[in-house]
Amino acid sequence: RTLGPYYLSFVLGEVNRALQRGYQRHVAGASIVGILEAMEPGGFIEGEQLVPSLPLILEVFAMELSGEVAEEKEIEAIGGKTREAKSTRVYDAAEIIGRALDFKFFQPCVLSPEEHPFGIQGAVLNAGTLKGRNKMRELLRRFGLGLAANKTVSAGVMLPW
């Protein structure tokens, strides 16, 4: 919080680079969500301040929901060892992003971005299993809850959600 939103992408990048092996990936995901939760109260992250950090955050989403980290969480021997591996906090982060991000950036930066391959729309369309589809449904639901509380979203724009 002390550094403010302008250093958020740097801090998140360093957390992700420092924690890349084994159980550390679970800790990295939980830490990134924790940082977002800590910065949300008081409007520290609003409008377009999240845009530079979104590729990294969405990459963590992809790993937590459908990558190697998700597979490790399903193995009881790994999931039971660390507190971070027992649950998925990605959904909480999705709700924070929905509340904080200015709506005009939501479609180009979160759903179908051109700059990076971690768009949510592609992940939803590529979810092949029932379990994967349920994860994507919950992710979209939590984005919708965040958008419903977002002051930049009007009722007409929210209708498709």
N, C-alpha and C. Protein backbone atom coordinates (compact mmCIF):
# COMPACT_ATOMS: atom_id res chain seq x y z
N ARG A 1 0.81 -1.20 0.00
CA ARG A 1 0.00 0.00 0.00
C ARG A 1 0.85 1.25 0.00
N THR A 2 2.00 1.16 0.62
CA THR A 2 2.86 2.33 0.73
C THR A 2 3.36 2.78 -0.64
N LEU A 3 3.70 1.83 -1.49
CA LEU A 3 4.21 2.18 -2.82
C LEU A 3 3.13 2.69 -3.75
N GLY A 4 1.89 2.29 -3.53
CA GLY A 4 0.79 2.76 -4.35
C GLY A 4 0.59 1.91 -5.61
N PRO A 5 -0.40 2.26 -6.39
CA PRO A 5 -0.77 1.44 -7.55
C PRO A 5 0.21 1.50 -8.71
N TYR A 6 1.05 2.50 -8.75
CA TYR A 6 1.96 2.65 -9.89
C TYR A 6 3.10 1.64 -9.86
N TYR A 7 3.38 1.08 -8.71
CA TYR A 7 4.40 0.05 -8.59
C TYR A 7 3.80 -1.34 -8.48
N LEU A 8 2.49 -1.45 -8.63
CA LEU A 8 1.81 -2.73 -8.47
C LEU A 8 2.32 -3.77 -9.46
N SER A 9 2.45 -3.42 -10.72
CA SER A 9 2.91 -4.41 -11.70
C SER A 9 4.34 -4.86 -11.40
N PHE A 10 5.18 -3.96 -10.93
CA PHE A 10 6.55 -4.33 -10.57
C PHE A 10 6.55 -5.30 -9.39
N VAL A 11 5.78 -5.00 -8.35
CA VAL A 11 5.73 -5.84 -7.16
C VAL A 11 5.17 -7.22 -7.50
N LEU A 12 4.08 -7.26 -8.26
CA LEU A 12 3.49 -8.54 -8.64
C LEU A 12 4.44 -9.35 -9.51
N GLY A 13 5.15 -8.68 -10.40
CA GLY A 13 6.13 -9.37 -11.24
C GLY A 13 7.25 -9.97 -10.43
N GLU A 14 7.73 -9.24 -9.44
CA GLU A 14 8.81 -9.75 -8.59
C GLU A 14 8.35 -10.93 -7.75
N VAL A 15 7.13 -10.87 -7.24
CA VAL A 15 6.58 -11.99 -6.48
C VAL A 15 6.50 -13.22 -7.39
N ASN A 16 6.01 -13.04 -8.59
CA ASN A 16 5.86 -14.16 -9.52
C ASN A 16 7.23 -14.72 -9.94
N ARG A 17 8.22 -13.86 -10.16
CA ARG A 17 9.54 -14.34 -10.57
C ARG A 17 10.27 -15.04 -9.43
N ALA A 18 10.08 -14.56 -8.21
CA ALA A 18 10.79 -15.14 -7.07
C ALA A 18 10.22 -16.49 -6.65
N LEU A 19 8.94 -16.70 -6.89
CA LEU A 19 8.28 -17.93 -6.43
C LEU A 19 7.81 -18.74 -7.63
N GLN A 20 8.70 -19.55 -8.20
CA GLN A 20 8.33 -20.26 -9.43
C GLN A 20 8.44 -21.77 -9.35
N ARG A 21 8.92 -22.33 -8.26
CA ARG A 21 9.12 -23.78 -8.22
C ARG A 21 8.20 -24.43 -7.20
N GLY A 22 7.65 -25.56 -7.57
CA GLY A 22 6.88 -26.40 -6.66
C GLY A 22 5.79 -25.65 -5.91
N TYR A 23 5.81 -25.82 -4.60
CA TYR A 23 4.78 -25.21 -3.76
C TYR A 23 4.83 -23.69 -3.80
N GLN A 24 5.97 -23.13 -4.22
CA GLN A 24 6.10 -21.68 -4.28
C GLN A 24 5.10 -21.05 -5.24
N ARG A 25 4.68 -21.80 -6.26
CA ARG A 25 3.68 -21.27 -7.20
C ARG A 25 2.34 -21.05 -6.50
N HIS A 26 2.02 -21.92 -5.56
CA HIS A 26 0.79 -21.73 -4.78
C HIS A 26 0.90 -20.48 -3.92
N VAL A 27 2.08 -20.31 -3.32
CA VAL A 27 2.32 -19.14 -2.47
C VAL A 27 2.28 -17.86 -3.32
N ALA A 28 2.85 -17.91 -4.52
CA ALA A 28 2.83 -16.74 -5.41
C ALA A 28 1.41 -16.33 -5.74
N GLY A 29 0.56 -17.29 -6.10
CA GLY A 29 -0.84 -16.99 -6.41
C GLY A 29 -1.57 -16.39 -5.22
N ALA A 30 -1.38 -16.99 -4.04
CA ALA A 30 -2.03 -16.47 -2.84
C ALA A 30 -1.49 -15.08 -2.47
N SER A 31 -0.21 -14.85 -2.70
CA SER A 31 0.38 -13.55 -2.39
C SER A 31 -0.15 -12.46 -3.30
N ILE A 32 -0.29 -12.78 -4.57
CA ILE A 32 -0.80 -11.79 -5.52
C ILE A 32 -2.23 -11.41 -5.17
N VAL A 33 -3.04 -12.41 -4.82
CA VAL A 33 -4.42 -12.12 -4.42
C VAL A 33 -4.42 -11.32 -3.12
N GLY A 34 -3.54 -11.66 -2.19
CA GLY A 34 -3.45 -10.91 -0.93
C GLY A 34 -3.07 -9.46 -1.14
N ILE A 35 -2.16 -9.21 -2.08
CA ILE A 35 -1.77 -7.83 -2.39
C ILE A 35 -2.95 -7.06 -2.97
N LEU A 36 -3.69 -7.70 -3.88
CA LEU A 36 -4.88 -7.03 -4.44
C LEU A 36 -5.90 -6.73 -3.36
N GLU A 37 -6.12 -7.69 -2.44
CA GLU A 37 -7.09 -7.47 -1.36
C GLU A 37 -6.64 -6.34 -0.44
N ALA A 38 -5.35 -6.24 -0.19
CA ALA A 38 -4.84 -5.19 0.70
C ALA A 38 -4.94 -3.81 0.06
N MET A 39 -4.84 -3.75 -1.27
CA MET A 39 -4.86 -2.45 -1.94
C MET A 39 -6.25 -1.97 -2.30
N GLU A 40 -7.24 -2.84 -2.23
CA GLU A 40 -8.58 -2.43 -2.66
C GLU A 40 -9.24 -1.41 -1.73
N PRO A 41 -9.24 -1.59 -0.41
CA PRO A 41 -9.93 -0.61 0.43
C PRO A 41 -9.32 0.78 0.28
N GLY A 42 -10.17 1.75 0.24
CA GLY A 42 -9.72 3.13 0.12
C GLY A 42 -9.43 3.57 -1.30
N GLY A 43 -9.76 2.73 -2.26
CA GLY A 43 -9.61 3.12 -3.66
C GLY A 43 -8.17 3.19 -4.16
N PHE A 44 -7.28 2.38 -3.58
CA PHE A 44 -5.90 2.40 -4.04
C PHE A 44 -5.77 1.90 -5.48
N ILE A 45 -6.62 0.97 -5.86
CA ILE A 45 -6.60 0.49 -7.24
C ILE A 45 -7.97 0.76 -7.86
N GLU A 46 -8.01 1.74 -8.71
CA GLU A 46 -9.26 2.11 -9.39
C GLU A 46 -8.96 2.50 -10.82
N GLY A 47 -9.98 2.45 -11.65
CA GLY A 47 -9.86 2.91 -13.02
C GLY A 47 -8.89 2.09 -13.84
N GLU A 48 -7.91 2.78 -14.39
CA GLU A 48 -6.97 2.12 -15.29
C GLU A 48 -5.67 1.72 -14.59
N GLN A 49 -5.58 1.86 -13.29
CA GLN A 49 -4.36 1.56 -12.58
C GLN A 49 -4.00 0.09 -12.59
N LEU A 50 -4.99 -0.77 -12.80
CA LEU A 50 -4.74 -2.21 -12.85
C LEU A 50 -4.28 -2.69 -14.23
N VAL A 51 -4.47 -1.89 -15.26
CA VAL A 51 -4.22 -2.33 -16.63
C VAL A 51 -2.79 -2.86 -16.84
N PRO A 52 -1.73 -2.19 -16.37
CA PRO A 52 -0.39 -2.74 -16.59
C PRO A 52 -0.16 -4.08 -15.89
N SER A 53 -0.88 -4.36 -14.81
CA SER A 53 -0.70 -5.59 -14.05
C SER A 53 -1.57 -6.74 -14.54
N LEU A 54 -2.55 -6.46 -15.37
CA LEU A 54 -3.50 -7.50 -15.78
C LEU A 54 -2.89 -8.70 -16.48
N PRO A 55 -1.91 -8.56 -17.38
CA PRO A 55 -1.34 -9.78 -17.99
C PRO A 55 -0.79 -10.75 -16.95
N LEU A 56 -0.10 -10.23 -15.95
CA LEU A 56 0.46 -11.07 -14.91
C LEU A 56 -0.65 -11.70 -14.05
N ILE A 57 -1.64 -10.91 -13.69
CA ILE A 57 -2.74 -11.41 -12.87
C ILE A 57 -3.51 -12.49 -13.63
N LEU A 58 -3.77 -12.25 -14.90
CA LEU A 58 -4.51 -13.24 -15.70
C LEU A 58 -3.69 -14.50 -15.94
N GLU A 59 -2.38 -14.37 -16.00
CA GLU A 59 -1.52 -15.55 -16.12
C GLU A 59 -1.64 -16.41 -14.86
N VAL A 60 -1.66 -15.76 -13.70
CA VAL A 60 -1.84 -16.48 -12.44
C VAL A 60 -3.22 -17.15 -12.42
N PHE A 61 -4.26 -16.46 -12.90
CA PHE A 61 -5.59 -17.06 -13.01
C PHE A 61 -5.53 -18.33 -13.83
N ALA A 62 -4.88 -18.25 -14.99
CA ALA A 62 -4.80 -19.40 -15.89
C ALA A 62 -4.10 -20.57 -15.22
N MET A 63 -3.02 -20.32 -14.52
CA MET A 63 -2.29 -21.39 -13.85
C MET A 63 -3.09 -21.97 -12.70
N GLU A 64 -3.78 -21.12 -11.95
CA GLU A 64 -4.55 -21.59 -10.79
C GLU A 64 -5.79 -22.39 -11.21
N LEU A 65 -6.37 -22.06 -12.35
CA LEU A 65 -7.61 -22.70 -12.74
C LEU A 65 -7.44 -23.86 -13.71
N SER A 66 -6.42 -23.81 -14.56
CA SER A 66 -6.32 -24.88 -15.55
C SER A 66 -4.89 -25.31 -15.86
N GLY A 67 -3.91 -24.79 -15.18
CA GLY A 67 -2.52 -25.13 -15.46
C GLY A 67 -1.99 -26.19 -14.49
N GLU A 68 -0.68 -26.24 -14.38
CA GLU A 68 -0.03 -27.21 -13.50
C GLU A 68 -0.40 -26.98 -12.04
N VAL A 69 -0.56 -25.74 -11.66
CA VAL A 69 -0.92 -25.44 -10.27
C VAL A 69 -2.28 -26.04 -9.94
N ALA A 70 -3.23 -25.96 -10.87
CA ALA A 70 -4.56 -26.54 -10.66
C ALA A 70 -4.46 -28.06 -10.53
N GLU A 71 -3.62 -28.68 -11.33
CA GLU A 71 -3.45 -30.13 -11.26
C GLU A 71 -2.83 -30.54 -9.93
N GLU A 72 -1.87 -29.77 -9.45
CA GLU A 72 -1.25 -30.07 -8.17
C GLU A 72 -2.23 -29.94 -7.02
N LYS A 73 -3.15 -29.00 -7.11
CA LYS A 73 -4.13 -28.81 -6.04
C LYS A 73 -5.07 -30.01 -5.93
N GLU A 74 -5.27 -30.72 -7.03
CA GLU A 74 -6.15 -31.87 -7.01
C GLU A 74 -5.49 -33.09 -6.39
N ILE A 75 -4.18 -33.12 -6.31
CA ILE A 75 -3.46 -34.22 -5.68
C ILE A 75 -3.47 -33.98 -4.18
N GLU A 76 -4.05 -34.90 -3.43
CA GLU A 76 -4.23 -34.68 -1.99
C GLU A 76 -2.91 -34.52 -1.25
N ALA A 77 -1.87 -35.23 -1.68
CA ALA A 77 -0.59 -35.15 -1.00
C ALA A 77 0.00 -33.75 -1.09
N ILE A 78 -0.22 -33.07 -2.20
CA ILE A 78 0.31 -31.71 -2.36
C ILE A 78 -0.66 -30.70 -1.76
N GLY A 79 -1.94 -30.87 -2.01
CA GLY A 79 -2.95 -29.91 -1.54
C GLY A 79 -3.02 -29.83 -0.03
N GLY A 80 -2.68 -30.91 0.67
CA GLY A 80 -2.77 -30.91 2.12
C GLY A 80 -1.56 -30.33 2.82
N LYS A 81 -0.46 -30.12 2.10
CA LYS A 81 0.78 -29.67 2.74
C LYS A 81 0.80 -28.19 3.06
N THR A 82 0.31 -27.37 2.17
CA THR A 82 0.39 -25.93 2.40
C THR A 82 -1.01 -25.31 2.40
N ARG A 83 -1.14 -24.29 3.20
CA ARG A 83 -2.43 -23.60 3.29
C ARG A 83 -2.81 -22.98 1.96
N GLU A 84 -1.83 -22.49 1.21
CA GLU A 84 -2.08 -21.83 -0.07
C GLU A 84 -2.61 -22.80 -1.11
N ALA A 85 -2.23 -24.08 -1.00
CA ALA A 85 -2.65 -25.07 -1.99
C ALA A 85 -4.02 -25.65 -1.68
N LYS A 86 -4.54 -25.40 -0.50
CA LYS A 86 -5.83 -25.98 -0.12
C LYS A 86 -7.02 -25.30 -0.79
N SER A 87 -6.88 -24.05 -1.13
CA SER A 87 -8.01 -23.33 -1.71
C SER A 87 -7.56 -22.47 -2.89
N THR A 88 -8.54 -22.00 -3.63
CA THR A 88 -8.27 -21.12 -4.77
C THR A 88 -8.87 -19.76 -4.45
N ARG A 89 -8.01 -18.75 -4.41
CA ARG A 89 -8.47 -17.40 -4.10
C ARG A 89 -8.61 -16.56 -5.36
N VAL A 90 -8.48 -17.22 -6.51
CA VAL A 90 -8.59 -16.52 -7.79
C VAL A 90 -9.96 -15.87 -7.92
N TYR A 91 -10.98 -16.52 -7.43
CA TYR A 91 -12.33 -15.99 -7.56
C TYR A 91 -12.48 -14.68 -6.79
N ASP A 92 -11.84 -14.59 -5.63
CA ASP A 92 -11.86 -13.33 -4.87
C ASP A 92 -11.17 -12.22 -5.65
N ALA A 93 -10.04 -12.56 -6.27
CA ALA A 93 -9.32 -11.57 -7.07
C ALA A 93 -10.16 -11.13 -8.27
N ALA A 94 -10.91 -12.05 -8.87
CA ALA A 94 -11.77 -11.70 -10.02
C ALA A 94 -12.82 -10.68 -9.59
N GLU A 95 -13.35 -10.86 -8.42
CA GLU A 95 -14.35 -9.91 -7.91
C GLU A 95 -13.73 -8.55 -7.64
N ILE A 96 -12.51 -8.53 -7.10
CA ILE A 96 -11.80 -7.27 -6.86
C ILE A 96 -11.55 -6.55 -8.17
N ILE A 97 -11.09 -7.28 -9.18
CA ILE A 97 -10.83 -6.68 -10.49
C ILE A 97 -12.12 -6.13 -11.08
N GLY A 98 -13.21 -6.86 -10.96
CA GLY A 98 -14.49 -6.39 -11.46
C GLY A 98 -14.94 -5.10 -10.79
N ARG A 99 -14.68 -4.97 -9.49
CA ARG A 99 -15.06 -3.76 -8.75
C ARG A 99 -14.15 -2.59 -9.07
N ALA A 100 -12.86 -2.86 -9.26
CA ALA A 100 -11.88 -1.77 -9.35
C ALA A 100 -11.61 -1.28 -10.77
N LEU A 101 -11.63 -2.16 -11.75
CA LEU A 101 -11.23 -1.80 -13.10
C LEU A 101 -12.32 -0.97 -13.78
N ASP A 102 -11.92 0.10 -14.42
CA ASP A 102 -12.86 0.90 -15.19
C ASP A 102 -13.44 0.02 -16.30
N PHE A 103 -14.75 0.06 -16.50
CA PHE A 103 -15.41 -0.88 -17.39
C PHE A 103 -14.94 -0.78 -18.84
N LYS A 104 -14.53 0.40 -19.27
CA LYS A 104 -14.09 0.53 -20.67
C LYS A 104 -12.82 -0.28 -20.93
N PHE A 105 -12.09 -0.67 -19.89
CA PHE A 105 -10.89 -1.51 -20.04
C PHE A 105 -11.19 -2.99 -19.86
N PHE A 106 -12.39 -3.32 -19.43
CA PHE A 106 -12.69 -4.72 -19.10
C PHE A 106 -12.63 -5.63 -20.32
N GLN A 107 -13.33 -5.28 -21.38
CA GLN A 107 -13.34 -6.12 -22.59
C GLN A 107 -11.96 -6.22 -23.22
N PRO A 108 -11.26 -5.11 -23.51
CA PRO A 108 -9.97 -5.24 -24.19
C PRO A 108 -8.84 -5.77 -23.32
N CYS A 109 -8.94 -5.68 -22.01
CA CYS A 109 -7.82 -6.09 -21.15
C CYS A 109 -8.04 -7.43 -20.43
N VAL A 110 -9.30 -7.79 -20.18
CA VAL A 110 -9.57 -9.01 -19.41
C VAL A 110 -10.19 -10.10 -20.27
N LEU A 111 -11.26 -9.78 -20.97
CA LEU A 111 -11.96 -10.82 -21.72
C LEU A 111 -11.20 -11.29 -22.96
N SER A 112 -10.84 -10.39 -23.82
CA SER A 112 -10.15 -10.79 -25.05
C SER A 112 -9.02 -9.82 -25.39
N PRO A 113 -7.95 -9.87 -24.61
CA PRO A 113 -6.82 -8.96 -24.86
C PRO A 113 -6.02 -9.39 -26.09
N GLU A 114 -5.45 -8.41 -26.76
CA GLU A 114 -4.62 -8.70 -27.92
C GLU A 114 -3.14 -8.78 -27.54
N GLU A 115 -2.74 -8.16 -26.43
CA GLU A 115 -1.33 -8.11 -26.06
C GLU A 115 -0.80 -9.39 -25.43
N HIS A 116 -1.66 -10.20 -24.83
CA HIS A 116 -1.19 -11.41 -24.15
C HIS A 116 -2.21 -12.53 -24.34
N PRO A 117 -1.79 -13.78 -24.16
CA PRO A 117 -2.68 -14.92 -24.44
C PRO A 117 -3.54 -15.37 -23.26
N PHE A 118 -3.65 -14.59 -22.21
CA PHE A 118 -4.35 -15.04 -21.02
C PHE A 118 -5.74 -14.45 -20.86
N GLY A 119 -6.44 -14.21 -21.95
CA GLY A 119 -7.78 -13.66 -21.88
C GLY A 119 -8.78 -14.68 -21.34
N ILE A 120 -9.74 -14.19 -20.60
CA ILE A 120 -10.72 -15.07 -19.98
C ILE A 120 -11.65 -15.69 -21.03
N GLN A 121 -11.96 -14.95 -22.07
CA GLN A 121 -12.85 -15.48 -23.10
C GLN A 121 -12.26 -16.74 -23.74
N GLY A 122 -10.98 -16.73 -24.04
CA GLY A 122 -10.32 -17.91 -24.61
C GLY A 122 -10.32 -19.08 -23.64
N ALA A 123 -10.10 -18.80 -22.37
CA ALA A 123 -10.10 -19.86 -21.35
C ALA A 123 -11.48 -20.48 -21.21
N VAL A 124 -12.52 -19.66 -21.28
CA VAL A 124 -13.89 -20.18 -21.18
C VAL A 124 -14.20 -21.06 -22.38
N LEU A 125 -13.83 -20.62 -23.56
CA LEU A 125 -14.12 -21.39 -24.77
C LEU A 125 -13.30 -22.68 -24.85
N ASN A 126 -12.11 -22.70 -24.24
CA ASN A 126 -11.24 -23.87 -24.31
C ASN A 126 -11.41 -24.83 -23.15
N ALA A 127 -12.29 -24.53 -22.20
CA ALA A 127 -12.52 -25.43 -21.07
C ALA A 127 -13.22 -26.68 -21.59
N GLY A 128 -12.52 -27.79 -21.60
CA GLY A 128 -13.04 -29.01 -22.19
C GLY A 128 -13.80 -29.92 -21.24
N THR A 129 -13.43 -29.93 -19.97
CA THR A 129 -14.08 -30.83 -19.02
C THR A 129 -15.18 -30.11 -18.26
N LEU A 130 -16.04 -30.88 -17.65
CA LEU A 130 -17.12 -30.30 -16.85
C LEU A 130 -16.55 -29.51 -15.68
N LYS A 131 -15.52 -30.05 -15.06
CA LYS A 131 -14.89 -29.37 -13.93
C LYS A 131 -14.29 -28.03 -14.39
N GLY A 132 -13.64 -28.02 -15.55
CA GLY A 132 -13.08 -26.79 -16.09
C GLY A 132 -14.15 -25.78 -16.43
N ARG A 133 -15.26 -26.24 -16.98
CA ARG A 133 -16.36 -25.32 -17.29
C ARG A 133 -16.97 -24.74 -16.03
N ASN A 134 -17.09 -25.55 -15.00
CA ASN A 134 -17.63 -25.05 -13.73
C ASN A 134 -16.71 -23.99 -13.12
N LYS A 135 -15.40 -24.19 -13.24
CA LYS A 135 -14.46 -23.17 -12.75
C LYS A 135 -14.63 -21.87 -13.52
N MET A 136 -14.77 -21.97 -14.84
CA MET A 136 -14.94 -20.77 -15.66
C MET A 136 -16.28 -20.09 -15.38
N ARG A 137 -17.31 -20.88 -15.13
CA ARG A 137 -18.62 -20.31 -14.80
C ARG A 137 -18.53 -19.52 -13.49
N GLU A 138 -17.85 -20.10 -12.50
CA GLU A 138 -17.69 -19.40 -11.23
C GLU A 138 -16.84 -18.14 -11.39
N LEU A 139 -15.80 -18.22 -12.22
CA LEU A 139 -14.97 -17.05 -12.47
C LEU A 139 -15.77 -15.93 -13.11
N LEU A 140 -16.57 -16.24 -14.11
CA LEU A 140 -17.41 -15.22 -14.76
C LEU A 140 -18.46 -14.68 -13.80
N ARG A 141 -19.00 -15.55 -12.95
CA ARG A 141 -19.99 -15.11 -11.97
C ARG A 141 -19.37 -14.09 -11.01
N ARG A 142 -18.14 -14.37 -10.56
CA ARG A 142 -17.47 -13.46 -9.63
C ARG A 142 -17.06 -12.15 -10.30
N PHE A 143 -16.65 -12.23 -11.57
CA PHE A 143 -16.41 -10.99 -12.32
C PHE A 143 -17.70 -10.18 -12.37
N GLY A 144 -18.82 -10.86 -12.62
CA GLY A 144 -20.12 -10.18 -12.70
C GLY A 144 -20.51 -9.54 -11.38
N LEU A 145 -20.25 -10.21 -10.26
CA LEU A 145 -20.53 -9.62 -8.95
C LEU A 145 -19.70 -8.37 -8.73
N GLY A 146 -18.44 -8.44 -9.14
CA GLY A 146 -17.59 -7.25 -9.01
C GLY A 146 -18.06 -6.12 -9.89
N LEU A 147 -18.45 -6.45 -11.12
CA LEU A 147 -18.95 -5.41 -12.03
C LEU A 147 -20.24 -4.79 -11.53
N ALA A 148 -21.08 -5.59 -10.87
CA ALA A 148 -22.33 -5.06 -10.33
C ALA A 148 -22.06 -4.00 -9.26
N ALA A 149 -20.94 -4.13 -8.55
CA ALA A 149 -20.59 -3.15 -7.52
C ALA A 149 -19.70 -2.03 -8.05
N ASN A 150 -19.33 -2.09 -9.32
CA ASN A 150 -18.44 -1.10 -9.92
C ASN A 150 -19.24 0.16 -10.26
N LYS A 151 -18.71 1.31 -9.86
CA LYS A 151 -19.44 2.56 -10.08
C LYS A 151 -19.33 3.07 -11.53
N THR A 152 -18.43 2.48 -12.34
CA THR A 152 -18.30 2.90 -13.74
C THR A 152 -19.22 2.10 -14.67
N VAL A 153 -19.98 1.17 -14.12
CA VAL A 153 -20.83 0.30 -14.94
C VAL A 153 -22.29 0.75 -14.79
N SER A 154 -22.94 1.00 -15.92
CA SER A 154 -24.35 1.36 -15.89
C SER A 154 -25.20 0.10 -16.08
N ALA A 155 -26.47 0.22 -15.79
CA ALA A 155 -27.37 -0.93 -15.89
C ALA A 155 -27.47 -1.45 -17.32
N GLY A 156 -27.47 -0.57 -18.30
CA GLY A 156 -27.56 -0.98 -19.70
C GLY A 156 -26.34 -1.77 -20.16
N VAL A 157 -25.19 -1.39 -19.68
CA VAL A 157 -23.95 -2.09 -20.04
C VAL A 157 -23.87 -3.43 -19.31
N MET A 158 -24.42 -3.49 -18.13
CA MET A 158 -24.36 -4.70 -17.30
C MET A 158 -25.36 -5.75 -17.76
N LEU A 159 -26.34 -5.39 -18.54
CA LEU A 159 -27.39 -6.32 -18.93
C LEU A 159 -26.88 -7.61 -19.56
N PRO A 160 -25.91 -7.60 -20.47
CA PRO A 160 -25.42 -8.87 -21.01
C PRO A 160 -24.78 -9.80 -19.98
N TRP A 161 -24.30 -9.24 -18.87
CA TRP A 161 -23.70 -10.07 -17.84
C TRP A 161 -24.76 -10.81 -17.07
